[in-house]
Amino acid sequence: MTEPATPPTTGVPDIDAALTQVNLDGPVADHHQQLSAAVEALQRALRTPQQ
């Protein structure tokens, strides 16, 4: 069995943490909440960039 590939990172800890929570396996109804959380993390990072 092949090991899953390590996902790329953005270098922004909040975004990377949110993306690790996204699992598109299983029921499609569960995907909305996961993707919504990832988008919220991205929006926060874009509003207040780390220097």
Protein backbone atom coordinates (compact mmCIF):
# COMPACT_ATOMS: atom_id res chain seq x y z
CA MET A 1 0.00 0.00 0.00
CA THR A 2 1.26 3.47 -0.87
CA GLU A 3 1.65 6.03 1.90
CA PRO A 4 -0.54 9.12 1.45
CA ALA A 5 1.32 12.14 0.13
CA THR A 6 2.11 14.88 2.60
CA PRO A 7 -0.05 17.87 1.69
CA PRO A 8 1.78 21.06 0.76
CA THR A 9 1.90 23.81 3.34
CA THR A 10 1.27 27.51 2.93
CA GLY A 11 3.58 28.67 5.69
CA VAL A 12 0.65 30.30 7.49
CA PRO A 13 -0.03 28.15 10.55
CA ASP A 14 -3.76 28.95 10.81
CA ILE A 15 -4.38 28.07 7.16
CA ASP A 16 -2.28 24.92 7.33
CA ALA A 17 -4.14 23.79 10.47
CA ALA A 18 -7.52 24.41 8.85
CA LEU A 19 -6.53 22.54 5.70
CA THR A 20 -5.41 19.50 7.69
CA GLN A 21 -8.98 19.29 9.02
CA VAL A 22 -10.42 18.96 5.50
CA ASN A 23 -11.25 15.35 4.70
CA LEU A 24 -13.27 14.92 1.53
CA ASP A 25 -13.95 11.23 2.16
CA GLY A 26 -17.34 10.19 3.43
CA PRO A 27 -20.71 11.89 3.04
CA VAL A 28 -20.78 14.97 0.85
CA ALA A 29 -22.95 16.73 3.44
CA ASP A 30 -19.94 16.82 5.80
CA HIS A 31 -17.72 18.65 3.31
CA HIS A 32 -19.46 22.01 3.56
CA GLN A 33 -18.57 22.56 7.21
CA GLN A 34 -14.92 21.54 6.68
CA LEU A 35 -14.48 23.74 3.63
CA SER A 36 -16.24 26.64 5.33
CA ALA A 37 -13.80 26.47 8.25
CA ALA A 38 -10.85 26.46 5.84
CA VAL A 39 -12.22 29.48 3.95
CA GLU A 40 -12.73 31.36 7.23
CA ALA A 41 -9.09 30.70 8.20
CA LEU A 42 -7.96 31.96 4.80
CA GLN A 43 -10.06 35.11 5.12
CA ARG A 44 -8.64 35.80 8.61
CA ALA A 45 -5.10 35.37 7.32
CA LEU A 46 -5.71 37.72 4.41
CA ARG A 47 -7.27 40.39 6.65
CA THR A 48 -4.46 40.29 9.20
CA PRO A 49 -1.29 39.03 7.50
CA GLN A 50 1.60 37.90 9.68
CA GLN A 51 4.70 40.04 9.30
